[in-house]
């Protein structure tokens, strides 16, 4: 312990440089805002049932069984709707 105390006393302490995340820049915030806006526009172009299924399942994070109960559908139908919706979103967002 004495040796450790001496080593600490002799070793100058340095403050770490301010490390900012690249996500904290104004550019990153603008890009994130633009991506969010594009996603919202793309979601609006989906059929209502697909939009509801993908929002509840993928954005709200509900289980497939919960989404099925909310929408009055079967789990397999919800999985199909989510899959179709994601495919449509992918097409829309890559073509913009």
C-alpha atoms as a PDB file:
ATOM      1  CA  UNK A   1       0.000   0.000   0.000  1.00  0.00           C
ATOM      2  CA  UNK A   2       2.867   2.342   0.764  1.00  0.00           C
ATOM      3  CA  UNK A   3       4.344   1.721  -2.696  1.00  0.00           C
ATOM      4  CA  UNK A   4       1.003   2.351  -4.346  1.00  0.00           C
ATOM      5  CA  UNK A   5       0.539   5.557  -2.404  1.00  0.00           C
ATOM      6  CA  UNK A   6       3.979   6.803  -3.479  1.00  0.00           C
ATOM      7  CA  UNK A   7       3.360   5.852  -7.100  1.00  0.00           C
ATOM      8  CA  UNK A   8       0.084   7.748  -7.076  1.00  0.00           C
ATOM      9  CA  UNK A   9       1.676  10.771  -5.428  1.00  0.00           C
ATOM     10  CA  UNK A  10       4.526  10.935  -7.947  1.00  0.00           C
ATOM     11  CA  UNK A  11       2.450  10.265 -11.030  1.00  0.00           C
ATOM     12  CA  UNK A  12       0.810  13.428 -12.267  1.00  0.00           C
ATOM     13  CA  UNK A  13      -2.852  12.958 -12.994  1.00  0.00           C
ATOM     14  CA  UNK A  14      -4.087  13.991 -16.387  1.00  0.00           C
ATOM     15  CA  UNK A  15      -7.582  14.887 -17.275  1.00  0.00           C
ATOM     16  CA  UNK A  16      -8.946  12.970 -20.184  1.00  0.00           C
ATOM     17  CA  UNK A  17      -9.688  15.071 -23.229  1.00  0.00           C
ATOM     18  CA  UNK A  18     -13.298  15.896 -23.866  1.00  0.00           C
ATOM     19  CA  UNK A  19     -14.547  13.002 -25.937  1.00  0.00           C
ATOM     20  CA  UNK A  20     -17.689  13.868 -27.842  1.00  0.00           C
ATOM     21  CA  UNK A  21     -19.635  11.361 -29.793  1.00  0.00           C
ATOM     22  CA  UNK A  22     -19.871  11.893 -33.553  1.00  0.00           C
ATOM     23  CA  UNK A  23     -23.631  11.596 -33.031  1.00  0.00           C
ATOM     24  CA  UNK A  24     -23.609  14.811 -31.000  1.00  0.00           C
ATOM     25  CA  UNK A  25     -22.770  17.044 -33.949  1.00  0.00           C
ATOM     26  CA  UNK A  26     -25.334  19.329 -35.566  1.00  0.00           C
ATOM     27  CA  UNK A  27     -24.830  17.438 -38.845  1.00  0.00           C
ATOM     28  CA  UNK A  28     -25.650  14.107 -37.192  1.00  0.00           C
ATOM     29  CA  UNK A  29     -28.752  15.592 -35.595  1.00  0.00           C
ATOM     30  CA  UNK A  30     -29.895  16.982 -38.944  1.00  0.00           C
ATOM     31  CA  UNK A  31     -29.313  13.641 -40.682  1.00  0.00           C
ATOM     32  CA  UNK A  32     -31.183  11.767 -37.955  1.00  0.00           C
ATOM     33  CA  UNK A  33     -34.071  14.211 -38.215  1.00  0.00           C
ATOM     34  CA  UNK A  34     -34.172  13.771 -41.995  1.00  0.00           C
ATOM     35  CA  UNK A  35     -34.132   9.959 -41.690  1.00  0.00           C
ATOM     36  CA  UNK A  36     -36.994  10.134 -39.191  1.00  0.00           C
ATOM     37  CA  UNK A  37     -39.003  12.403 -41.493  1.00  0.00           C
ATOM     38  CA  UNK A  38     -38.424  10.080 -44.472  1.00  0.00           C
ATOM     39  CA  UNK A  39     -39.520   7.076 -42.403  1.00  0.00           C
ATOM     40  CA  UNK A  40     -42.686   8.864 -41.277  1.00  0.00           C
ATOM     41  CA  UNK A  41     -43.547   9.740 -44.887  1.00  0.00           C
ATOM     42  CA  UNK A  42     -42.846   6.166 -45.993  1.00  0.00           C
ATOM     43  CA  UNK A  43     -45.002   4.784 -43.170  1.00  0.00           C
ATOM     44  CA  UNK A  44     -47.900   6.976 -44.279  1.00  0.00           C
ATOM     45  CA  UNK A  45     -47.747   5.425 -47.746  1.00  0.00           C
ATOM     46  CA  UNK A  46     -48.366   1.904 -46.384  1.00  0.00           C
ATOM     47  CA  UNK A  47     -51.831   0.352 -46.243  1.00  0.00           C
ATOM     48  CA  UNK A  48     -53.440   0.985 -42.851  1.00  0.00           C
ATOM     49  CA  UNK A  49     -53.241  -2.629 -41.575  1.00  0.00           C
ATOM     50  CA  UNK A  50     -49.579  -3.000 -42.578  1.00  0.00           C
ATOM     51  CA  UNK A  51     -48.718   0.356 -41.029  1.00  0.00           C
ATOM     52  CA  UNK A  52     -50.462  -0.550 -37.779  1.00  0.00           C
ATOM     53  CA  UNK A  53     -48.754  -3.953 -37.633  1.00  0.00           C
ATOM     54  CA  UNK A  54     -45.255  -2.614 -38.295  1.00  0.00           C
ATOM     55  CA  UNK A  55     -45.615   0.328 -35.912  1.00  0.00           C
ATOM     56  CA  UNK A  56     -46.899  -1.817 -33.062  1.00  0.00           C
ATOM     57  CA  UNK A  57     -44.416  -4.643 -33.630  1.00  0.00           C
ATOM     58  CA  UNK A  58     -41.215  -2.914 -34.751  1.00  0.00           C
ATOM     59  CA  UNK A  59     -41.483   0.598 -33.356  1.00  0.00           C
ATOM     60  CA  UNK A  60     -43.513   0.082 -30.172  1.00  0.00           C
ATOM     61  CA  UNK A  61     -41.819  -3.277 -29.532  1.00  0.00           C
ATOM     62  CA  UNK A  62     -44.935  -5.299 -28.768  1.00  0.00           C
ATOM     63  CA  UNK A  63     -44.929  -9.074 -29.091  1.00  0.00           C
ATOM     64  CA  UNK A  64     -46.558 -10.563 -32.174  1.00  0.00           C
ATOM     65  CA  UNK A  65     -49.299 -12.098 -30.004  1.00  0.00           C
ATOM     66  CA  UNK A  66     -50.063  -8.684 -28.486  1.00  0.00           C
ATOM     67  CA  UNK A  67     -50.259  -7.047 -31.911  1.00  0.00           C
ATOM     68  CA  UNK A  68     -52.548  -9.841 -33.123  1.00  0.00           C
ATOM     69  CA  UNK A  69     -54.865  -9.306 -30.151  1.00  0.00           C
ATOM     70  CA  UNK A  70     -54.954  -5.542 -30.669  1.00  0.00           C
ATOM     71  CA  UNK A  71     -55.660  -5.810 -34.390  1.00  0.00           C
ATOM     72  CA  UNK A  72     -58.012  -8.782 -34.055  1.00  0.00           C
ATOM     73  CA  UNK A  73     -55.907 -10.970 -36.301  1.00  0.00           C
ATOM     74  CA  UNK A  74     -53.774 -14.104 -36.145  1.00  0.00           C
ATOM     75  CA  UNK A  75     -50.074 -14.127 -35.350  1.00  0.00           C
ATOM     76  CA  UNK A  76     -49.213 -15.510 -38.790  1.00  0.00           C
ATOM     77  CA  UNK A  77     -51.158 -12.693 -40.443  1.00  0.00           C
ATOM     78  CA  UNK A  78     -49.298 -10.122 -38.333  1.00  0.00           C
ATOM     79  CA  UNK A  79     -45.923 -11.662 -39.232  1.00  0.00           C
ATOM     80  CA  UNK A  80     -46.911 -11.533 -42.898  1.00  0.00           C
ATOM     81  CA  UNK A  81     -48.094  -7.923 -42.674  1.00  0.00           C
ATOM     82  CA  UNK A  82     -44.928  -6.831 -40.869  1.00  0.00           C
ATOM     83  CA  UNK A  83     -42.764  -8.603 -43.437  1.00  0.00           C
ATOM     84  CA  UNK A  84     -44.629  -7.006 -46.358  1.00  0.00           C
ATOM     85  CA  UNK A  85     -44.534  -3.583 -44.681  1.00  0.00           C
ATOM     86  CA  UNK A  86     -40.782  -3.781 -44.088  1.00  0.00           C
ATOM     87  CA  UNK A  87     -40.276  -4.809 -47.708  1.00  0.00           C
ATOM     88  CA  UNK A  88     -42.362  -1.860 -48.899  1.00  0.00           C
ATOM     89  CA  UNK A  89     -40.510   0.529 -46.583  1.00  0.00           C
ATOM     90  CA  UNK A  90     -37.186  -0.758 -47.853  1.00  0.00           C
ATOM     91  CA  UNK A  91     -38.275  -0.166 -51.463  1.00  0.00           C
ATOM     92  CA  UNK A  92     -39.584   3.318 -50.701  1.00  0.00           C
ATOM     93  CA  UNK A  93     -36.555   4.405 -48.687  1.00  0.00           C
ATOM     94  CA  UNK A  94     -33.963   3.087 -51.159  1.00  0.00           C
ATOM     95  CA  UNK A  95     -35.687   4.740 -54.126  1.00  0.00           C
ATOM     96  CA  UNK A  96     -35.866   8.190 -52.533  1.00  0.00           C
END
